[in-house]
Amino acid sequence: MAVRNVVSESCMVDGYCKLGRIGDARNLFDVMLERTVVTWTAMIEGEGIVEVNSITMSIMFDACGGFGRCGEGIQMHGLVSRMGFDYDVFLGNSIIIMYCRFGFVDEATKIIRMMSKTNIVSWNSLIAGYVQCGISSWNIVFQEDQEDREEERERERERERTVVVVWKRGERERGEKTQEEKQGCFRKCKKSYKKYY
């Protein structure tokens, strides 16, 4: 190895693990002066001790953000992308918080848009990041989110129309349901349709 630093050593550990040379990877890992989350992840995967999941990665992003390890955090994000993780609320929120701590609110905004589901933590983290950086243009993100919500409301109205059409058809065929039973059934149908659309 021509240049020995944490990046080159981490790459070597990862390469050894991918080639199945766990002993060589472990020997290099043991003599490294500095180990990063990337190095630890490579060793954990290589040893087969623990399967890396979104919770593991979330903890690692929190560590990167908490200890000011921007470079390692960005590397971890690349690793998450290459491994094909879904940006669930745990993983997505951890990445958003990390990027906001480093002032990379544009990256954090990209993450929130990639998330399959967001929650109040997601949005509060992003808002805090914008405020921390003194940026007031975060309202653009929320305007776009409002447009997405309007599309969701339109889909909801379509689902309601579908339920009404199905219900009226059944009403004609059966005729014996009371109004109360109809309303209860309508609510149940509406809830079940939300799960599938």
C-alpha atoms as a PDB file:
ATOM      1  CA  MET A   1       0.000   0.000   0.000  1.00  0.00           C
ATOM      2  CA  ALA A   2       1.678   3.207  -1.211  1.00  0.00           C
ATOM      3  CA  VAL A   3      -0.241   5.617   1.007  1.00  0.00           C
ATOM      4  CA  ARG A   4      -1.464   4.452   4.383  1.00  0.00           C
ATOM      5  CA  ASN A   5      -4.365   6.398   5.768  1.00  0.00           C
ATOM      6  CA  VAL A   6      -7.782   5.592   7.144  1.00  0.00           C
ATOM      7  CA  VAL A   7      -9.414   5.673   3.698  1.00  0.00           C
ATOM      8  CA  SER A   8      -6.923   3.352   1.986  1.00  0.00           C
ATOM      9  CA  GLU A   9      -6.864   0.971   4.947  1.00  0.00           C
ATOM     10  CA  SER A  10     -10.674   0.885   5.097  1.00  0.00           C
ATOM     11  CA  CYS A  11     -10.782   0.100   1.376  1.00  0.00           C
ATOM     12  CA  MET A  12      -8.305  -2.726   1.893  1.00  0.00           C
ATOM     13  CA  VAL A  13     -10.318  -4.184   4.785  1.00  0.00           C
ATOM     14  CA  ASP A  14     -13.487  -3.998   2.690  1.00  0.00           C
ATOM     15  CA  GLY A  15     -11.729  -5.559  -0.304  1.00  0.00           C
ATOM     16  CA  TYR A  16     -10.297  -8.421   1.761  1.00  0.00           C
ATOM     17  CA  CYS A  17     -13.744  -9.123   3.223  1.00  0.00           C
ATOM     18  CA  LYS A  18     -15.389  -9.142  -0.197  1.00  0.00           C
ATOM     19  CA  LEU A  19     -12.762 -11.615  -1.417  1.00  0.00           C
ATOM     20  CA  GLY A  20     -13.428 -13.861   1.570  1.00  0.00           C
ATOM     21  CA  ARG A  21      -9.995 -13.186   3.070  1.00  0.00           C
ATOM     22  CA  ILE A  22     -11.349 -12.463   6.530  1.00  0.00           C
ATOM     23  CA  GLY A  23      -8.064 -13.313   8.267  1.00  0.00           C
ATOM     24  CA  ASP A  24      -6.147 -10.729   6.229  1.00  0.00           C
ATOM     25  CA  ALA A  25      -8.912  -8.188   6.810  1.00  0.00           C
ATOM     26  CA  ARG A  26      -8.821  -8.840  10.557  1.00  0.00           C
ATOM     27  CA  ASN A  27      -5.018  -8.540  10.703  1.00  0.00           C
ATOM     28  CA  LEU A  28      -5.120  -5.170   8.948  1.00  0.00           C
ATOM     29  CA  PHE A  29      -8.078  -4.058  11.071  1.00  0.00           C
ATOM     30  CA  ASP A  30      -6.189  -4.909  14.278  1.00  0.00           C
ATOM     31  CA  VAL A  31      -3.172  -2.742  13.361  1.00  0.00           C
ATOM     32  CA  MET A  32      -5.146   0.254  12.091  1.00  0.00           C
ATOM     33  CA  LEU A  33      -4.550   3.394  14.126  1.00  0.00           C
ATOM     34  CA  GLU A  34      -7.963   4.813  13.263  1.00  0.00           C
ATOM     35  CA  ARG A  35     -11.112   2.829  12.500  1.00  0.00           C
ATOM     36  CA  THR A  36     -14.159   4.426  10.929  1.00  0.00           C
ATOM     37  CA  VAL A  37     -17.763   3.335  10.726  1.00  0.00           C
ATOM     38  CA  VAL A  38     -17.009   2.133   7.204  1.00  0.00           C
ATOM     39  CA  THR A  39     -14.214  -0.089   8.504  1.00  0.00           C
ATOM     40  CA  TRP A  40     -16.372  -1.468  11.288  1.00  0.00           C
ATOM     41  CA  THR A  41     -19.228  -2.154   8.879  1.00  0.00           C
ATOM     42  CA  ALA A  42     -16.908  -3.991   6.493  1.00  0.00           C
ATOM     43  CA  MET A  43     -15.591  -6.166   9.329  1.00  0.00           C
ATOM     44  CA  ILE A  44     -19.055  -6.853  10.736  1.00  0.00           C
ATOM     45  CA  GLU A  45     -20.326  -7.888   7.309  1.00  0.00           C
ATOM     46  CA  GLY A  46     -17.170  -9.859   6.540  1.00  0.00           C
ATOM     47  CA  GLU A  47     -17.273 -11.787   9.790  1.00  0.00           C
ATOM     48  CA  GLY A  48     -20.956 -12.450   9.272  1.00  0.00           C
ATOM     49  CA  ILE A  49     -21.521 -11.615  12.913  1.00  0.00           C
ATOM     50  CA  VAL A  50     -24.470  -9.331  12.377  1.00  0.00           C
ATOM     51  CA  GLU A  51     -26.430  -8.522   9.285  1.00  0.00           C
ATOM     52  CA  VAL A  52     -26.387  -4.792   8.784  1.00  0.00           C
ATOM     53  CA  ASN A  53     -29.893  -3.339   8.741  1.00  0.00           C
ATOM     54  CA  SER A  54     -31.443   0.121   8.765  1.00  0.00           C
ATOM     55  CA  ILE A  55     -31.273   0.320  12.571  1.00  0.00           C
ATOM     56  CA  THR A  56     -27.531  -0.457  12.553  1.00  0.00           C
ATOM     57  CA  MET A  57     -26.987   2.163   9.892  1.00  0.00           C
ATOM     58  CA  SER A  58     -29.133   4.701  11.774  1.00  0.00           C
ATOM     59  CA  ILE A  59     -26.923   4.310  14.832  1.00  0.00           C
ATOM     60  CA  MET A  60     -23.833   4.761  12.692  1.00  0.00           C
ATOM     61  CA  PHE A  61     -25.217   7.955  11.116  1.00  0.00           C
ATOM     62  CA  ASP A  62     -25.982   9.287  14.581  1.00  0.00           C
ATOM     63  CA  ALA A  63     -22.397   8.561  15.619  1.00  0.00           C
ATOM     64  CA  CYS A  64     -21.001  10.312  12.535  1.00  0.00           C
ATOM     65  CA  GLY A  65     -23.135  13.388  13.179  1.00  0.00           C
ATOM     66  CA  GLY A  66     -22.450  13.407  16.905  1.00  0.00           C
ATOM     67  CA  PHE A  67     -18.689  13.146  16.549  1.00  0.00           C
ATOM     68  CA  GLY A  68     -18.410  15.520  13.596  1.00  0.00           C
ATOM     69  CA  ARG A  69     -17.265  12.807  11.181  1.00  0.00           C
ATOM     70  CA  CYS A  70     -18.627  14.350   7.996  1.00  0.00           C
ATOM     71  CA  GLY A  71     -16.488  12.326   5.571  1.00  0.00           C
ATOM     72  CA  GLU A  72     -17.423   9.020   7.150  1.00  0.00           C
ATOM     73  CA  GLY A  73     -21.085  10.017   7.187  1.00  0.00           C
ATOM     74  CA  ILE A  74     -21.023  10.740   3.475  1.00  0.00           C
ATOM     75  CA  GLN A  75     -19.258   7.409   2.884  1.00  0.00           C
ATOM     76  CA  MET A  76     -21.941   5.673   4.934  1.00  0.00           C
ATOM     77  CA  HIS A  77     -24.647   7.296   2.824  1.00  0.00           C
ATOM     78  CA  GLY A  78     -22.922   5.956  -0.287  1.00  0.00           C
ATOM     79  CA  LEU A  79     -22.802   2.518   1.315  1.00  0.00           C
ATOM     80  CA  VAL A  80     -26.521   2.679   2.137  1.00  0.00           C
ATOM     81  CA  SER A  81     -27.261   3.566  -1.491  1.00  0.00           C
ATOM     82  CA  ARG A  82     -25.090   0.748  -2.850  1.00  0.00           C
ATOM     83  CA  MET A  83     -26.638  -1.770  -0.459  1.00  0.00           C
ATOM     84  CA  GLY A  84     -30.119  -0.794  -1.658  1.00  0.00           C
ATOM     85  CA  PHE A  85     -31.634   0.162   1.687  1.00  0.00           C
ATOM     86  CA  ASP A  86     -35.150   1.589   1.738  1.00  0.00           C
ATOM     87  CA  TYR A  87     -35.197   5.038   3.284  1.00  0.00           C
ATOM     88  CA  ASP A  88     -37.610   4.195   6.108  1.00  0.00           C
ATOM     89  CA  VAL A  89     -38.291   6.698   8.902  1.00  0.00           C
ATOM     90  CA  PHE A  90     -35.458   5.464  11.124  1.00  0.00           C
ATOM     91  CA  LEU A  91     -32.762   5.476   8.481  1.00  0.00           C
ATOM     92  CA  GLY A  92     -34.050   8.536   6.633  1.00  0.00           C
ATOM     93  CA  ASN A  93     -34.358  10.617   9.798  1.00  0.00           C
ATOM     94  CA  SER A  94     -30.840   9.664  10.897  1.00  0.00           C
ATOM     95  CA  ILE A  95     -29.382  10.733   7.564  1.00  0.00           C
ATOM     96  CA  ILE A  96     -31.395  13.981   7.581  1.00  0.00           C
ATOM     97  CA  ILE A  97     -30.215  14.836  11.094  1.00  0.00           C
ATOM     98  CA  MET A  98     -26.596  14.056  10.208  1.00  0.00           C
ATOM     99  CA  TYR A  99     -26.637  16.167   7.039  1.00  0.00           C
ATOM    100  CA  CYS A 100     -28.313  19.046   8.885  1.00  0.00           C
ATOM    101  CA  ARG A 101     -25.639  18.942  11.592  1.00  0.00           C
ATOM    102  CA  PHE A 102     -23.033  19.434   8.882  1.00  0.00           C
ATOM    103  CA  GLY A 103     -25.059  22.181   7.183  1.00  0.00           C
ATOM    104  CA  PHE A 104     -25.899  20.129   4.074  1.00  0.00           C
ATOM    105  CA  VAL A 105     -29.607  20.951   3.996  1.00  0.00           C
ATOM    106  CA  ASP A 106     -29.878  20.342   0.249  1.00  0.00           C
ATOM    107  CA  GLU A 107     -28.781  16.742   0.794  1.00  0.00           C
ATOM    108  CA  ALA A 108     -31.184  16.429   3.724  1.00  0.00           C
ATOM    109  CA  THR A 109     -33.995  17.723   1.505  1.00  0.00           C
ATOM    110  CA  LYS A 110     -33.156  15.098  -1.124  1.00  0.00           C
ATOM    111  CA  ILE A 111     -33.384  12.395   1.541  1.00  0.00           C
ATOM    112  CA  ILE A 112     -36.812  13.486   2.786  1.00  0.00           C
ATOM    113  CA  ARG A 113     -38.089  13.333  -0.784  1.00  0.00           C
ATOM    114  CA  MET A 114     -36.700   9.803  -1.191  1.00  0.00           C
ATOM    115  CA  MET A 115     -38.291   8.499   2.000  1.00  0.00           C
ATOM    116  CA  SER A 116     -41.157   6.059   1.580  1.00  0.00           C
ATOM    117  CA  LYS A 117     -42.842   7.565   4.649  1.00  0.00           C
ATOM    118  CA  THR A 118     -42.099  10.646   6.745  1.00  0.00           C
ATOM    119  CA  ASN A 119     -43.134  11.679  10.227  1.00  0.00           C
ATOM    120  CA  ILE A 120     -42.935  14.760  12.423  1.00  0.00           C
ATOM    121  CA  VAL A 121     -39.309  13.971  13.319  1.00  0.00           C
ATOM    122  CA  SER A 122     -38.402  14.055   9.619  1.00  0.00           C
ATOM    123  CA  TRP A 123     -39.895  17.492   9.071  1.00  0.00           C
ATOM    124  CA  ASN A 124     -38.736  18.967  12.386  1.00  0.00           C
ATOM    125  CA  SER A 125     -35.191  17.803  11.683  1.00  0.00           C
ATOM    126  CA  LEU A 126     -35.251  19.400   8.251  1.00  0.00           C
ATOM    127  CA  ILE A 127     -36.726  22.659   9.580  1.00  0.00           C
ATOM    128  CA  ALA A 128     -34.093  22.757  12.341  1.00  0.00           C
ATOM    129  CA  GLY A 129     -31.382  22.244   9.724  1.00  0.00           C
ATOM    130  CA  TYR A 130     -32.659  25.139   7.626  1.00  0.00           C
ATOM    131  CA  VAL A 131     -32.926  27.395  10.683  1.00  0.00           C
ATOM    132  CA  GLN A 132     -29.456  26.382  11.885  1.00  0.00           C
ATOM    133  CA  CYS A 133     -28.024  27.378   8.507  1.00  0.00           C
ATOM    134  CA  GLY A 134     -29.998  30.627   8.438  1.00  0.00           C
ATOM    135  CA  ILE A 135     -31.877  29.630   5.299  1.00  0.00           C
ATOM    136  CA  SER A 136     -35.445  30.833   4.912  1.00  0.00           C
ATOM    137  CA  SER A 137     -36.167  29.143   1.587  1.00  0.00           C
ATOM    138  CA  TRP A 138     -37.366  25.959   3.282  1.00  0.00           C
ATOM    139  CA  ASN A 139     -40.943  27.013   2.522  1.00  0.00           C
ATOM    140  CA  ILE A 140     -40.347  25.811  -1.059  1.00  0.00           C
ATOM    141  CA  VAL A 141     -39.943  22.270   0.255  1.00  0.00           C
ATOM    142  CA  PHE A 142     -43.207  22.526   2.151  1.00  0.00           C
ATOM    143  CA  GLN A 143     -45.069  24.018  -0.803  1.00  0.00           C
ATOM    144  CA  GLU A 144     -43.995  21.016  -2.852  1.00  0.00           C
ATOM    145  CA  ASP A 145     -45.071  18.747  -0.003  1.00  0.00           C
ATOM    146  CA  GLN A 146     -48.461  20.491   0.047  1.00  0.00           C
ATOM    147  CA  GLU A 147     -48.823  19.755  -3.680  1.00  0.00           C
ATOM    148  CA  ASP A 148     -48.066  16.097  -2.944  1.00  0.00           C
ATOM    149  CA  ARG A 149     -50.678  16.135  -0.188  1.00  0.00           C
ATOM    150  CA  GLU A 150     -53.243  17.637  -2.585  1.00  0.00           C
ATOM    151  CA  GLU A 151     -52.550  14.759  -4.982  1.00  0.00           C
ATOM    152  CA  GLU A 152     -53.090  12.351  -2.063  1.00  0.00           C
ATOM    153  CA  ARG A 153     -56.401  14.068  -1.234  1.00  0.00           C
ATOM    154  CA  GLU A 154     -57.487  13.646  -4.859  1.00  0.00           C
ATOM    155  CA  ARG A 155     -56.595   9.933  -4.706  1.00  0.00           C
ATOM    156  CA  GLU A 156     -58.631   9.730  -1.475  1.00  0.00           C
ATOM    157  CA  ARG A 157     -61.638  11.269  -3.240  1.00  0.00           C
ATOM    158  CA  GLU A 158     -61.230   8.718  -6.057  1.00  0.00           C
ATOM    159  CA  ARG A 159     -61.198   5.880  -3.508  1.00  0.00           C
ATOM    160  CA  GLU A 160     -64.362   7.274  -1.916  1.00  0.00           C
ATOM    161  CA  ARG A 161     -66.077   7.396  -5.310  1.00  0.00           C
ATOM    162  CA  THR A 162     -65.052   3.793  -5.942  1.00  0.00           C
ATOM    163  CA  VAL A 163     -66.535   2.695  -2.614  1.00  0.00           C
ATOM    164  CA  VAL A 164     -69.779   4.585  -3.345  1.00  0.00           C
ATOM    165  CA  VAL A 165     -70.118   2.960  -6.776  1.00  0.00           C
ATOM    166  CA  VAL A 166     -69.517  -0.498  -5.323  1.00  0.00           C
ATOM    167  CA  TRP A 167     -71.906   0.230  -2.461  1.00  0.00           C
ATOM    168  CA  LYS A 168     -74.721   1.459  -4.722  1.00  0.00           C
ATOM    169  CA  ARG A 169     -74.365  -1.648  -6.837  1.00  0.00           C
ATOM    170  CA  GLY A 170     -74.657  -3.835  -3.734  1.00  0.00           C
ATOM    171  CA  GLU A 171     -77.563  -1.738  -2.460  1.00  0.00           C
ATOM    172  CA  ARG A 172     -79.542  -2.397  -5.602  1.00  0.00           C
ATOM    173  CA  GLU A 173     -78.843  -6.111  -5.379  1.00  0.00           C
ATOM    174  CA  ARG A 174     -79.515  -6.605  -1.667  1.00  0.00           C
ATOM    175  CA  GLY A 175     -81.785  -3.762  -0.548  1.00  0.00           C
ATOM    176  CA  GLU A 176     -82.052  -4.964   3.080  1.00  0.00           C
ATOM    177  CA  LYS A 177     -79.192  -3.035   4.747  1.00  0.00           C
ATOM    178  CA  THR A 178     -80.079  -0.296   7.210  1.00  0.00           C
ATOM    179  CA  GLN A 179     -78.547   3.170   6.937  1.00  0.00           C
ATOM    180  CA  GLU A 180     -76.397   2.554  10.035  1.00  0.00           C
ATOM    181  CA  GLU A 181     -74.968  -0.670   8.622  1.00  0.00           C
ATOM    182  CA  LYS A 182     -74.215   1.130   5.370  1.00  0.00           C
ATOM    183  CA  GLN A 183     -72.247   3.864   7.104  1.00  0.00           C
ATOM    184  CA  GLY A 184     -70.227   1.346   9.148  1.00  0.00           C
ATOM    185  CA  CYS A 185     -69.422  -0.675   6.066  1.00  0.00           C
ATOM    186  CA  PHE A 186     -68.511   2.483   4.138  1.00  0.00           C
ATOM    187  CA  ARG A 187     -65.993   3.503   6.836  1.00  0.00           C
ATOM    188  CA  LYS A 188     -64.437   0.027   6.871  1.00  0.00           C
ATOM    189  CA  CYS A 189     -64.135  -0.046   3.090  1.00  0.00           C
ATOM    190  CA  LYS A 190     -62.616   3.415   3.034  1.00  0.00           C
ATOM    191  CA  LYS A 191     -59.974   2.399   5.595  1.00  0.00           C
ATOM    192  CA  SER A 192     -59.102  -0.805   3.774  1.00  0.00           C
ATOM    193  CA  TYR A 193     -58.728   1.003   0.445  1.00  0.00           C
ATOM    194  CA  LYS A 194     -56.165   3.363   2.010  1.00  0.00           C
ATOM    195  CA  LYS A 195     -53.892   0.384   2.600  1.00  0.00           C
ATOM    196  CA  TYR A 196     -53.860  -0.597  -1.048  1.00  0.00           C
ATOM    197  CA  TYR A 197     -53.543   2.770  -2.801  1.00  0.00           C
END
